[in-house]
Every structure is written in C-alpha cells, then in structure tokens.
Amino acid sequence: ETLYWLDVEFELSNGKKMSFGLHDSSSMYVECSDDIRDLLDNKFEDVK
C-alpha cells in the first residue's frame, strides 16, 4: 500500500480525540489536546 494522503481520527478511552495522518505527500501531522512537542522532538528532526 502506498499513501499520499491520509486523515485518521481516534476516539480514545479517556474521552479525548486525536488525529494524525499524511498531508498530500508533504508532511505527517498529529493533532491532539496533549502537549507532545518534546516527544516528537526526541523522535523527529523537523517538527513545527
């Protein structure tokens, strides 16, 4: 399977929602209410 666009939304057991995906083969994204910047910075080099 080869993706160039993906939008996925999760409903979590703690009542929150989180989305992630691939935007038009240009970058991945995560959208959530938790502050995960440090986690992402430790794994990836280019996070905005």
All heavy atoms as atom14 arrays in JSON, in Angstrom:
{
  "sequence": "ETLYWLDVEFELSNGKKMSFGLHDSSSMYVECSDDIRDLLDNKFEDVK",
  "atom14_mask": [
    [1, 1, 1, 1, 1, 1, 1, 1, 1, 0, 0, 0, 0, 0],
    [1, 1, 1, 1, 1, 1, 1, 0, 0, 0, 0, 0, 0, 0],
    [1, 1, 1, 1, 1, 1, 1, 1, 0, 0, 0, 0, 0, 0],
    [1, 1, 1, 1, 1, 1, 1, 1, 1, 1, 1, 1, 0, 0],
    [1, 1, 1, 1, 1, 1, 1, 1, 1, 1, 1, 1, 1, 1],
    [1, 1, 1, 1, 1, 1, 1, 1, 0, 0, 0, 0, 0, 0],
    [1, 1, 1, 1, 1, 1, 1, 1, 0, 0, 0, 0, 0, 0],
    [1, 1, 1, 1, 1, 1, 1, 0, 0, 0, 0, 0, 0, 0],
    [1, 1, 1, 1, 1, 1, 1, 1, 1, 0, 0, 0, 0, 0],
    [1, 1, 1, 1, 1, 1, 1, 1, 1, 1, 1, 0, 0, 0],
    [1, 1, 1, 1, 1, 1, 1, 1, 1, 0, 0, 0, 0, 0],
    [1, 1, 1, 1, 1, 1, 1, 1, 0, 0, 0, 0, 0, 0],
    [1, 1, 1, 1, 1, 1, 0, 0, 0, 0, 0, 0, 0, 0],
    [1, 1, 1, 1, 1, 1, 1, 1, 0, 0, 0, 0, 0, 0],
    [1, 1, 1, 1, 0, 0, 0, 0, 0, 0, 0, 0, 0, 0],
    [1, 1, 1, 1, 1, 1, 1, 1, 1, 0, 0, 0, 0, 0],
    [1, 1, 1, 1, 1, 1, 1, 1, 1, 0, 0, 0, 0, 0],
    [1, 1, 1, 1, 1, 1, 1, 1, 0, 0, 0, 0, 0, 0],
    [1, 1, 1, 1, 1, 1, 0, 0, 0, 0, 0, 0, 0, 0],
    [1, 1, 1, 1, 1, 1, 1, 1, 1, 1, 1, 0, 0, 0],
    [1, 1, 1, 1, 0, 0, 0, 0, 0, 0, 0, 0, 0, 0],
    [1, 1, 1, 1, 1, 1, 1, 1, 0, 0, 0, 0, 0, 0],
    [1, 1, 1, 1, 1, 1, 1, 1, 1, 1, 0, 0, 0, 0],
    [1, 1, 1, 1, 1, 1, 1, 1, 0, 0, 0, 0, 0, 0],
    [1, 1, 1, 1, 1, 1, 0, 0, 0, 0, 0, 0, 0, 0],
    [1, 1, 1, 1, 1, 1, 0, 0, 0, 0, 0, 0, 0, 0],
    [1, 1, 1, 1, 1, 1, 0, 0, 0, 0, 0, 0, 0, 0],
    [1, 1, 1, 1, 1, 1, 1, 1, 0, 0, 0, 0, 0, 0],
    [1, 1, 1, 1, 1, 1, 1, 1, 1, 1, 1, 1, 0, 0],
    [1, 1, 1, 1, 1, 1, 1, 0, 0, 0, 0, 0, 0, 0],
    [1, 1, 1, 1, 1, 1, 1, 1, 1, 0, 0, 0, 0, 0],
    [1, 1, 1, 1, 1, 1, 0, 0, 0, 0, 0, 0, 0, 0],
    [1, 1, 1, 1, 1, 1, 0, 0, 0, 0, 0, 0, 0, 0],
    [1, 1, 1, 1, 1, 1, 1, 1, 0, 0, 0, 0, 0, 0],
    [1, 1, 1, 1, 1, 1, 1, 1, 0, 0, 0, 0, 0, 0],
    [1, 1, 1, 1, 1, 1, 1, 1, 0, 0, 0, 0, 0, 0],
    [1, 1, 1, 1, 1, 1, 1, 1, 1, 1, 1, 0, 0, 0],
    [1, 1, 1, 1, 1, 1, 1, 1, 0, 0, 0, 0, 0, 0],
    [1, 1, 1, 1, 1, 1, 1, 1, 0, 0, 0, 0, 0, 0],
    [1, 1, 1, 1, 1, 1, 1, 1, 0, 0, 0, 0, 0, 0],
    [1, 1, 1, 1, 1, 1, 1, 1, 0, 0, 0, 0, 0, 0],
    [1, 1, 1, 1, 1, 1, 1, 1, 0, 0, 0, 0, 0, 0],
    [1, 1, 1, 1, 1, 1, 1, 1, 1, 0, 0, 0, 0, 0],
    [1, 1, 1, 1, 1, 1, 1, 1, 1, 1, 1, 0, 0, 0],
    [1, 1, 1, 1, 1, 1, 1, 1, 1, 0, 0, 0, 0, 0],
    [1, 1, 1, 1, 1, 1, 1, 1, 0, 0, 0, 0, 0, 0],
    [1, 1, 1, 1, 1, 1, 1, 0, 0, 0, 0, 0, 0, 0],
    [1, 1, 1, 1, 1, 1, 1, 1, 1, 0, 0, 0, 0, 0]
  ],
  "atom14_positions": [
    [[0.85, -1.19, 0.0], [0.0, 0.0, 0.0], [0.89, 1.24, 0.0], [1.87, 1.3, 0.74], [-0.9, 0.03, 1.24], [-1.77, -1.19, 1.43], [-3.08, -1.17, 0.65], [-3.49, -0.09, 0.19], [-3.68, -2.23, 0.51], [0.0, 0.0, 0.0], [0.0, 0.0, 0.0], [0.0, 0.0, 0.0], [0.0, 0.0, 0.0], [0.0, 0.0, 0.0]],
    [[0.56, 2.21, -0.83], [1.31, 3.46, -0.88], [0.35, 4.62, -0.65], [-0.6, 4.81, -1.42], [2.01, 3.63, -2.24], [2.86, 2.51, -2.47], [2.83, 4.91, -2.26], [0.0, 0.0, 0.0], [0.0, 0.0, 0.0], [0.0, 0.0, 0.0], [0.0, 0.0, 0.0], [0.0, 0.0, 0.0], [0.0, 0.0, 0.0], [0.0, 0.0, 0.0]],
    [[0.58, 5.37, 0.39], [-0.27, 6.51, 0.73], [0.34, 7.81, 0.24], [1.56, 7.98, 0.28], [-0.41, 6.61, 2.25], [-1.26, 5.56, 2.92], [-0.92, 5.49, 4.39], [-2.72, 5.88, 2.73], [0.0, 0.0, 0.0], [0.0, 0.0, 0.0], [0.0, 0.0, 0.0], [0.0, 0.0, 0.0], [0.0, 0.0, 0.0], [0.0, 0.0, 0.0]],
    [[-0.51, 8.74, -0.17], [-0.06, 10.11, -0.33], [-0.98, 11.08, 0.41], [-0.66, 12.24, 0.55], [0.15, 10.5, -1.8], [-1.03, 10.35, -2.72], [-1.99, 11.35, -2.8], [-1.16, 9.24, -3.53], [-3.06, 11.23, -3.66], [-2.22, 9.12, -4.4], [-3.17, 10.11, -4.46], [-4.23, 9.98, -5.32], [0.0, 0.0, 0.0], [0.0, 0.0, 0.0]],
    [[-2.1, 10.58, 0.92], [-2.95, 11.4, 1.77], [-3.7, 10.48, 2.72], [-4.27, 9.48, 2.29], [-3.96, 12.19, 0.95], [-4.42, 13.45, 1.63], [-4.99, 13.55, 2.85], [-4.31, 14.77, 1.13], [-5.25, 14.86, 3.16], [-4.85, 15.64, 2.1], [-3.82, 15.32, -0.03], [-4.9, 17.0, 1.95], [-3.89, 16.68, -0.19], [-4.42, 17.51, 0.79]],
    [[-3.67, 10.81, 4.01], [-4.39, 10.02, 5.0], [-4.8, 10.92, 6.15], [-3.99, 11.66, 6.7], [-3.49, 8.89, 5.54], [-4.12, 7.98, 6.59], [-5.23, 7.14, 5.98], [-3.06, 7.08, 7.23], [0.0, 0.0, 0.0], [0.0, 0.0, 0.0], [0.0, 0.0, 0.0], [0.0, 0.0, 0.0], [0.0, 0.0, 0.0], [0.0, 0.0, 0.0]],
    [[-6.08, 10.86, 6.5], [-6.61, 11.57, 7.67], [-7.35, 10.55, 8.53], [-8.34, 9.97, 8.09], [-7.58, 12.69, 7.28], [-6.89, 13.85, 6.62], [-5.75, 14.17, 6.99], [-7.51, 14.47, 5.72], [0.0, 0.0, 0.0], [0.0, 0.0, 0.0], [0.0, 0.0, 0.0], [0.0, 0.0, 0.0], [0.0, 0.0, 0.0], [0.0, 0.0, 0.0]],
    [[-6.84, 10.33, 9.75], [-7.43, 9.36, 10.67], [-7.74, 10.05, 11.99], [-6.94, 10.84, 12.49], [-6.46, 8.18, 10.94], [-7.05, 7.22, 11.96], [-6.11, 7.46, 9.65], [0.0, 0.0, 0.0], [0.0, 0.0, 0.0], [0.0, 0.0, 0.0], [0.0, 0.0, 0.0], [0.0, 0.0, 0.0], [0.0, 0.0, 0.0], [0.0, 0.0, 0.0]],
    [[-8.91, 9.76, 12.55], [-9.31, 10.3, 13.85], [-9.55, 9.13, 14.8], [-10.19, 8.15, 14.44], [-10.59, 11.11, 13.7], [-11.13, 11.62, 15.02], [-12.48, 12.3, 14.86], [-13.3, 11.84, 14.05], [-12.7, 13.29, 15.57], [0.0, 0.0, 0.0], [0.0, 0.0, 0.0], [0.0, 0.0, 0.0], [0.0, 0.0, 0.0], [0.0, 0.0, 0.0]],
    [[-9.01, 9.25, 16.01], [-9.23, 8.25, 17.04], [-10.06, 8.85, 18.17], [-9.79, 9.97, 18.61], [-7.91, 7.78, 17.65], [-7.06, 6.99, 16.7], [-5.8, 7.43, 16.38], [-7.51, 5.81, 16.15], [-4.99, 6.71, 15.51], [-6.72, 5.08, 15.28], [-5.46, 5.53, 14.96], [0.0, 0.0, 0.0], [0.0, 0.0, 0.0], [0.0, 0.0, 0.0]],
    [[-11.04, 8.1, 18.63], [-11.73, 8.42, 19.87], [-11.1, 7.52, 20.92], [-11.07, 6.3, 20.77], [-13.23, 8.15, 19.74], [-13.91, 9.12, 18.79], [-15.4, 8.9, 18.67], [-15.97, 8.05, 19.39], [-16.01, 9.57, 17.83], [0.0, 0.0, 0.0], [0.0, 0.0, 0.0], [0.0, 0.0, 0.0], [0.0, 0.0, 0.0], [0.0, 0.0, 0.0]],
    [[-10.59, 8.14, 21.98], [-9.81, 7.42, 22.98], [-10.62, 7.12, 24.23], [-11.63, 7.78, 24.51], [-8.57, 8.24, 23.35], [-7.7, 8.66, 22.16], [-6.62, 9.62, 22.6], [-7.11, 7.45, 21.47], [0.0, 0.0, 0.0], [0.0, 0.0, 0.0], [0.0, 0.0, 0.0], [0.0, 0.0, 0.0], [0.0, 0.0, 0.0], [0.0, 0.0, 0.0]],
    [[-10.19, 6.13, 24.98], [-10.91, 5.7, 26.18], [-10.94, 6.77, 27.26], [-11.79, 6.72, 28.14], [-10.3, 4.41, 26.74], [-8.95, 4.61, 27.09], [0.0, 0.0, 0.0], [0.0, 0.0, 0.0], [0.0, 0.0, 0.0], [0.0, 0.0, 0.0], [0.0, 0.0, 0.0], [0.0, 0.0, 0.0], [0.0, 0.0, 0.0], [0.0, 0.0, 0.0]],
    [[-10.05, 7.75, 27.19], [-10.07, 8.83, 28.18], [-11.0, 9.97, 27.77], [-11.01, 11.02, 28.39], [-8.65, 9.36, 28.43], [-8.02, 9.96, 27.19], [-8.64, 10.06, 26.13], [-6.77, 10.34, 27.3], [0.0, 0.0, 0.0], [0.0, 0.0, 0.0], [0.0, 0.0, 0.0], [0.0, 0.0, 0.0], [0.0, 0.0, 0.0], [0.0, 0.0, 0.0]],
    [[-11.8, 9.77, 26.69], [-12.76, 10.77, 26.24], [-12.2, 11.78, 25.26], [-12.93, 12.6, 24.73], [0.0, 0.0, 0.0], [0.0, 0.0, 0.0], [0.0, 0.0, 0.0], [0.0, 0.0, 0.0], [0.0, 0.0, 0.0], [0.0, 0.0, 0.0], [0.0, 0.0, 0.0], [0.0, 0.0, 0.0], [0.0, 0.0, 0.0], [0.0, 0.0, 0.0]],
    [[-10.91, 11.74, 25.01], [-10.27, 12.68, 24.1], [-10.28, 12.14, 22.67], [-10.55, 10.97, 22.44], [-8.83, 12.96, 24.53], [-8.73, 13.65, 25.87], [-7.29, 13.93, 26.23], [-7.19, 14.63, 27.58], [-5.8, 14.97, 27.89], [0.0, 0.0, 0.0], [0.0, 0.0, 0.0], [0.0, 0.0, 0.0], [0.0, 0.0, 0.0], [0.0, 0.0, 0.0]],
    [[-9.97, 13.04, 21.75], [-9.81, 12.67, 20.34], [-8.4, 13.03, 19.91], [-7.79, 13.94, 20.44], [-10.82, 13.4, 19.46], [-12.24, 12.94, 19.69], [-13.18, 13.61, 18.73], [-14.59, 13.1, 18.98], [-15.53, 13.66, 18.01], [0.0, 0.0, 0.0], [0.0, 0.0, 0.0], [0.0, 0.0, 0.0], [0.0, 0.0, 0.0], [0.0, 0.0, 0.0]],
    [[-7.92, 12.3, 18.94], [-6.61, 12.56, 18.38], [-6.69, 12.27, 16.89], [-7.35, 11.32, 16.48], [-5.57, 11.65, 19.01], [-4.18, 11.85, 18.45], [-3.09, 10.45, 18.74], [-3.62, 9.36, 17.45], [0.0, 0.0, 0.0], [0.0, 0.0, 0.0], [0.0, 0.0, 0.0], [0.0, 0.0, 0.0], [0.0, 0.0, 0.0], [0.0, 0.0, 0.0]],
    [[-6.06, 13.1, 16.08], [-6.0, 12.87, 14.65], [-4.54, 12.82, 14.22], [-3.68, 13.44, 14.83], [-6.68, 14.01, 13.89], [-8.03, 14.09, 14.23], [0.0, 0.0, 0.0], [0.0, 0.0, 0.0], [0.0, 0.0, 0.0], [0.0, 0.0, 0.0], [0.0, 0.0, 0.0], [0.0, 0.0, 0.0], [0.0, 0.0, 0.0], [0.0, 0.0, 0.0]],
    [[-4.31, 12.07, 13.17], [-2.97, 12.04, 12.6], [-3.1, 11.66, 11.14], [-4.15, 11.21, 10.68], [-2.06, 11.07, 13.35], [-2.06, 9.69, 12.79], [-0.99, 9.25, 12.01], [-3.13, 8.84, 12.98], [-1.0, 7.98, 11.47], [-3.14, 7.57, 12.46], [-2.07, 7.15, 11.69], [0.0, 0.0, 0.0], [0.0, 0.0, 0.0], [0.0, 0.0, 0.0]],
    [[-2.03, 11.9, 10.4], [-2.07, 11.49, 9.01], [-0.91, 12.0, 8.2], [0.11, 12.46, 8.73], [0.0, 0.0, 0.0], [0.0, 0.0, 0.0], [0.0, 0.0, 0.0], [0.0, 0.0, 0.0], [0.0, 0.0, 0.0], [0.0, 0.0, 0.0], [0.0, 0.0, 0.0], [0.0, 0.0, 0.0], [0.0, 0.0, 0.0], [0.0, 0.0, 0.0]],
    [[-1.12, 11.91, 6.91], [-0.15, 12.36, 5.91], [-0.86, 13.38, 5.03], [-1.93, 13.11, 4.51], [0.33, 11.17, 5.07], [1.32, 11.47, 3.95], [2.62, 12.05, 4.5], [1.59, 10.2, 3.14], [0.0, 0.0, 0.0], [0.0, 0.0, 0.0], [0.0, 0.0, 0.0], [0.0, 0.0, 0.0], [0.0, 0.0, 0.0], [0.0, 0.0, 0.0]],
    [[-0.26, 14.54, 4.9], [-0.87, 15.63, 4.14], [-0.23, 15.74, 2.76], [0.9, 16.23, 2.62], [-0.71, 16.95, 4.91], [-1.36, 18.11, 4.25], [-2.69, 18.36, 4.38], [-0.85, 19.07, 3.45], [-2.98, 19.45, 3.69], [-1.88, 19.89, 3.11], [0.0, 0.0, 0.0], [0.0, 0.0, 0.0], [0.0, 0.0, 0.0], [0.0, 0.0, 0.0]],
    [[-0.92, 15.26, 1.75], [-0.55, 15.43, 0.34], [0.93, 15.12, 0.07], [1.6, 15.87, -0.64], [-0.9, 16.84, -0.1], [-0.93, 16.98, -1.62], [-1.06, 15.95, -2.3], [-0.82, 18.11, -2.11], [0.0, 0.0, 0.0], [0.0, 0.0, 0.0], [0.0, 0.0, 0.0], [0.0, 0.0, 0.0], [0.0, 0.0, 0.0], [0.0, 0.0, 0.0]],
    [[1.43, 14.04, 0.64], [2.83, 13.61, 0.48], [3.86, 14.66, 0.88], [5.01, 14.59, 0.48], [3.1, 13.19, -0.98], [2.36, 12.06, -1.32], [0.0, 0.0, 0.0], [0.0, 0.0, 0.0], [0.0, 0.0, 0.0], [0.0, 0.0, 0.0], [0.0, 0.0, 0.0], [0.0, 0.0, 0.0], [0.0, 0.0, 0.0], [0.0, 0.0, 0.0]],
    [[3.44, 15.64, 1.68], [4.38, 16.7, 2.05], [4.85, 16.62, 3.49], [5.99, 16.95, 3.79], [3.76, 18.08, 1.79], [2.64, 18.27, 2.62], [0.0, 0.0, 0.0], [0.0, 0.0, 0.0], [0.0, 0.0, 0.0], [0.0, 0.0, 0.0], [0.0, 0.0, 0.0], [0.0, 0.0, 0.0], [0.0, 0.0, 0.0], [0.0, 0.0, 0.0]],
    [[3.99, 16.19, 4.4], [4.38, 16.06, 5.79], [3.34, 15.25, 6.56], [2.18, 15.19, 6.17], [4.59, 17.42, 6.45], [3.41, 18.16, 6.44], [0.0, 0.0, 0.0], [0.0, 0.0, 0.0], [0.0, 0.0, 0.0], [0.0, 0.0, 0.0], [0.0, 0.0, 0.0], [0.0, 0.0, 0.0], [0.0, 0.0, 0.0], [0.0, 0.0, 0.0]],
    [[3.79, 14.67, 7.66], [2.88, 13.99, 8.58], [2.35, 15.04, 9.55], [2.92, 16.11, 9.71], [3.63, 12.93, 9.38], [4.24, 11.82, 8.56], [5.07, 10.57, 9.57], [6.47, 11.49, 10.21], [0.0, 0.0, 0.0], [0.0, 0.0, 0.0], [0.0, 0.0, 0.0], [0.0, 0.0, 0.0], [0.0, 0.0, 0.0], [0.0, 0.0, 0.0]],
    [[1.25, 14.71, 10.21], [0.75, 15.6, 11.24], [0.11, 14.81, 12.37], [-0.29, 13.66, 12.2], [-0.26, 16.61, 10.67], [-1.61, 16.02, 10.37], [-2.59, 15.97, 11.35], [-1.89, 15.48, 9.13], [-3.82, 15.4, 11.09], [-3.12, 14.91, 8.85], [-4.08, 14.87, 9.84], [-5.3, 14.3, 9.59], [0.0, 0.0, 0.0], [0.0, 0.0, 0.0]],
    [[0.06, 15.45, 13.52], [-0.66, 14.94, 14.68], [-1.44, 16.11, 15.23], [-0.91, 17.22, 15.34], [0.3, 14.44, 15.78], [-0.48, 13.96, 16.99], [1.21, 13.37, 15.26], [0.0, 0.0, 0.0], [0.0, 0.0, 0.0], [0.0, 0.0, 0.0], [0.0, 0.0, 0.0], [0.0, 0.0, 0.0], [0.0, 0.0, 0.0], [0.0, 0.0, 0.0]],
    [[-2.7, 15.88, 15.58], [-3.5, 16.92, 16.21], [-4.11, 16.34, 17.48], [-4.8, 15.32, 17.43], [-4.6, 17.4, 15.26], [-5.37, 18.59, 15.8], [-6.29, 19.17, 14.76], [-7.39, 18.63, 14.57], [-5.91, 20.17, 14.13], [0.0, 0.0, 0.0], [0.0, 0.0, 0.0], [0.0, 0.0, 0.0], [0.0, 0.0, 0.0], [0.0, 0.0, 0.0]],
    [[-3.8, 16.97, 18.6], [-4.32, 16.48, 19.88], [-4.3, 17.6, 20.91], [-3.71, 18.65, 20.69], [-3.54, 15.27, 20.37], [-1.82, 15.58, 20.75], [0.0, 0.0, 0.0], [0.0, 0.0, 0.0], [0.0, 0.0, 0.0], [0.0, 0.0, 0.0], [0.0, 0.0, 0.0], [0.0, 0.0, 0.0], [0.0, 0.0, 0.0], [0.0, 0.0, 0.0]],
    [[-4.94, 17.33, 22.04], [-5.0, 18.33, 23.1], [-3.81, 18.23, 24.05], [-3.56, 19.15, 24.82], [-6.31, 18.2, 23.88], [-6.44, 16.91, 24.4], [0.0, 0.0, 0.0], [0.0, 0.0, 0.0], [0.0, 0.0, 0.0], [0.0, 0.0, 0.0], [0.0, 0.0, 0.0], [0.0, 0.0, 0.0], [0.0, 0.0, 0.0], [0.0, 0.0, 0.0]],
    [[-3.08, 17.12, 24.02], [-1.93, 16.95, 24.9], [-0.7, 17.63, 24.31], [-0.55, 17.72, 23.09], [-1.62, 15.46, 25.09], [-2.72, 14.74, 25.85], [-3.22, 15.3, 26.84], [-3.08, 13.63, 25.42], [0.0, 0.0, 0.0], [0.0, 0.0, 0.0], [0.0, 0.0, 0.0], [0.0, 0.0, 0.0], [0.0, 0.0, 0.0], [0.0, 0.0, 0.0]],
    [[0.19, 18.08, 25.18], [1.45, 18.69, 24.73], [2.45, 17.56, 24.47], [2.99, 16.98, 25.41], [1.98, 19.65, 25.78], [3.25, 20.35, 25.32], [3.69, 20.13, 24.17], [3.81, 21.12, 26.11], [0.0, 0.0, 0.0], [0.0, 0.0, 0.0], [0.0, 0.0, 0.0], [0.0, 0.0, 0.0], [0.0, 0.0, 0.0], [0.0, 0.0, 0.0]],
    [[2.66, 17.26, 23.2], [3.56, 16.17, 22.85], [4.8, 16.67, 22.1], [5.52, 15.9, 21.5], [2.83, 15.09, 22.02], [2.3, 15.68, 20.71], [1.74, 14.43, 22.82], [1.8, 14.63, 19.75], [0.0, 0.0, 0.0], [0.0, 0.0, 0.0], [0.0, 0.0, 0.0], [0.0, 0.0, 0.0], [0.0, 0.0, 0.0], [0.0, 0.0, 0.0]],
    [[5.05, 17.95, 22.17], [6.18, 18.52, 21.42], [7.51, 17.86, 21.78], [8.29, 17.5, 20.89], [6.26, 20.04, 21.67], [7.4, 20.74, 20.95], [7.23, 20.63, 19.44], [8.38, 21.08, 18.7], [8.46, 22.24, 18.08], [7.48, 23.1, 18.13], [9.53, 22.55, 17.4], [0.0, 0.0, 0.0], [0.0, 0.0, 0.0], [0.0, 0.0, 0.0]],
    [[7.79, 17.69, 23.06], [9.06, 17.07, 23.46], [9.18, 15.65, 22.93], [10.24, 15.24, 22.46], [9.21, 17.08, 24.99], [9.46, 18.47, 25.54], [9.84, 19.37, 24.76], [9.27, 18.66, 26.75], [0.0, 0.0, 0.0], [0.0, 0.0, 0.0], [0.0, 0.0, 0.0], [0.0, 0.0, 0.0], [0.0, 0.0, 0.0], [0.0, 0.0, 0.0]],
    [[8.1, 14.91, 23.0], [8.09, 13.54, 22.5], [8.42, 13.51, 21.0], [9.24, 12.72, 20.55], [6.72, 12.92, 22.75], [6.51, 11.5, 22.27], [7.28, 10.53, 23.15], [5.03, 11.16, 22.28], [0.0, 0.0, 0.0], [0.0, 0.0, 0.0], [0.0, 0.0, 0.0], [0.0, 0.0, 0.0], [0.0, 0.0, 0.0], [0.0, 0.0, 0.0]],
    [[7.78, 14.39, 20.24], [8.02, 14.44, 18.81], [9.43, 14.92, 18.49], [10.09, 14.4, 17.59], [6.98, 15.33, 18.12], [5.54, 14.83, 18.19], [4.59, 15.88, 17.63], [5.38, 13.5, 17.46], [0.0, 0.0, 0.0], [0.0, 0.0, 0.0], [0.0, 0.0, 0.0], [0.0, 0.0, 0.0], [0.0, 0.0, 0.0], [0.0, 0.0, 0.0]],
    [[9.91, 15.93, 19.23], [11.27, 16.44, 19.01], [12.33, 15.38, 19.28], [13.39, 15.39, 18.66], [11.53, 17.67, 19.89], [10.89, 18.93, 19.33], [10.55, 18.95, 18.13], [10.72, 19.89, 20.1], [0.0, 0.0, 0.0], [0.0, 0.0, 0.0], [0.0, 0.0, 0.0], [0.0, 0.0, 0.0], [0.0, 0.0, 0.0], [0.0, 0.0, 0.0]],
    [[12.06, 14.47, 20.22], [13.01, 13.4, 20.52], [13.07, 12.33, 19.44], [14.07, 11.64, 19.3], [12.69, 12.75, 21.87], [13.04, 13.64, 23.03], [13.95, 14.47, 22.94], [12.32, 13.49, 24.12], [0.0, 0.0, 0.0], [0.0, 0.0, 0.0], [0.0, 0.0, 0.0], [0.0, 0.0, 0.0], [0.0, 0.0, 0.0], [0.0, 0.0, 0.0]],
    [[11.99, 12.2, 18.66], [11.92, 11.17, 17.63], [12.21, 11.71, 16.23], [12.78, 11.01, 15.39], [10.52, 10.54, 17.66], [10.26, 9.5, 16.62], [10.94, 8.21, 16.97], [10.59, 7.13, 15.96], [11.35, 5.92, 16.14], [0.0, 0.0, 0.0], [0.0, 0.0, 0.0], [0.0, 0.0, 0.0], [0.0, 0.0, 0.0], [0.0, 0.0, 0.0]],
    [[11.81, 12.96, 15.97], [11.91, 13.54, 14.64], [12.73, 14.82, 14.67], [12.83, 15.48, 15.7], [10.51, 13.83, 14.08], [9.63, 12.62, 14.02], [8.65, 12.4, 14.98], [9.78, 11.69, 13.01], [7.84, 11.27, 14.93], [8.98, 10.55, 12.96], [8.01, 10.35, 13.92], [0.0, 0.0, 0.0], [0.0, 0.0, 0.0], [0.0, 0.0, 0.0]],
    [[13.29, 15.17, 13.53], [14.15, 16.37, 13.45], [13.4, 17.63, 13.04], [13.76, 18.72, 13.45], [15.28, 16.12, 12.46], [16.26, 15.07, 12.92], [17.38, 14.85, 11.93], [17.64, 15.75, 11.1], [18.01, 13.79, 11.98], [0.0, 0.0, 0.0], [0.0, 0.0, 0.0], [0.0, 0.0, 0.0], [0.0, 0.0, 0.0], [0.0, 0.0, 0.0]],
    [[12.36, 17.51, 12.22], [11.69, 18.68, 11.65], [10.23, 18.72, 12.11], [9.34, 18.21, 11.42], [11.79, 18.66, 10.13], [11.33, 19.95, 9.48], [10.95, 20.88, 10.21], [11.32, 20.0, 8.23], [0.0, 0.0, 0.0], [0.0, 0.0, 0.0], [0.0, 0.0, 0.0], [0.0, 0.0, 0.0], [0.0, 0.0, 0.0], [0.0, 0.0, 0.0]],
    [[9.97, 19.33, 13.27], [8.63, 19.41, 13.85], [8.25, 20.88, 13.99], [9.01, 21.68, 14.53], [8.58, 18.74, 15.24], [7.18, 18.85, 15.84], [9.02, 17.28, 15.15], [0.0, 0.0, 0.0], [0.0, 0.0, 0.0], [0.0, 0.0, 0.0], [0.0, 0.0, 0.0], [0.0, 0.0, 0.0], [0.0, 0.0, 0.0], [0.0, 0.0, 0.0]],
    [[7.07, 21.21, 13.49], [6.54, 22.58, 13.62], [5.17, 22.51, 14.29], [4.48, 21.5, 14.19], [6.43, 23.24, 12.25], [7.76, 23.46, 11.58], [7.59, 24.15, 10.24], [8.92, 24.44, 9.6], [9.54, 23.31, 8.94], [0.0, 0.0, 0.0], [0.0, 0.0, 0.0], [0.0, 0.0, 0.0], [0.0, 0.0, 0.0], [0.0, 0.0, 0.0]]
  ]
}
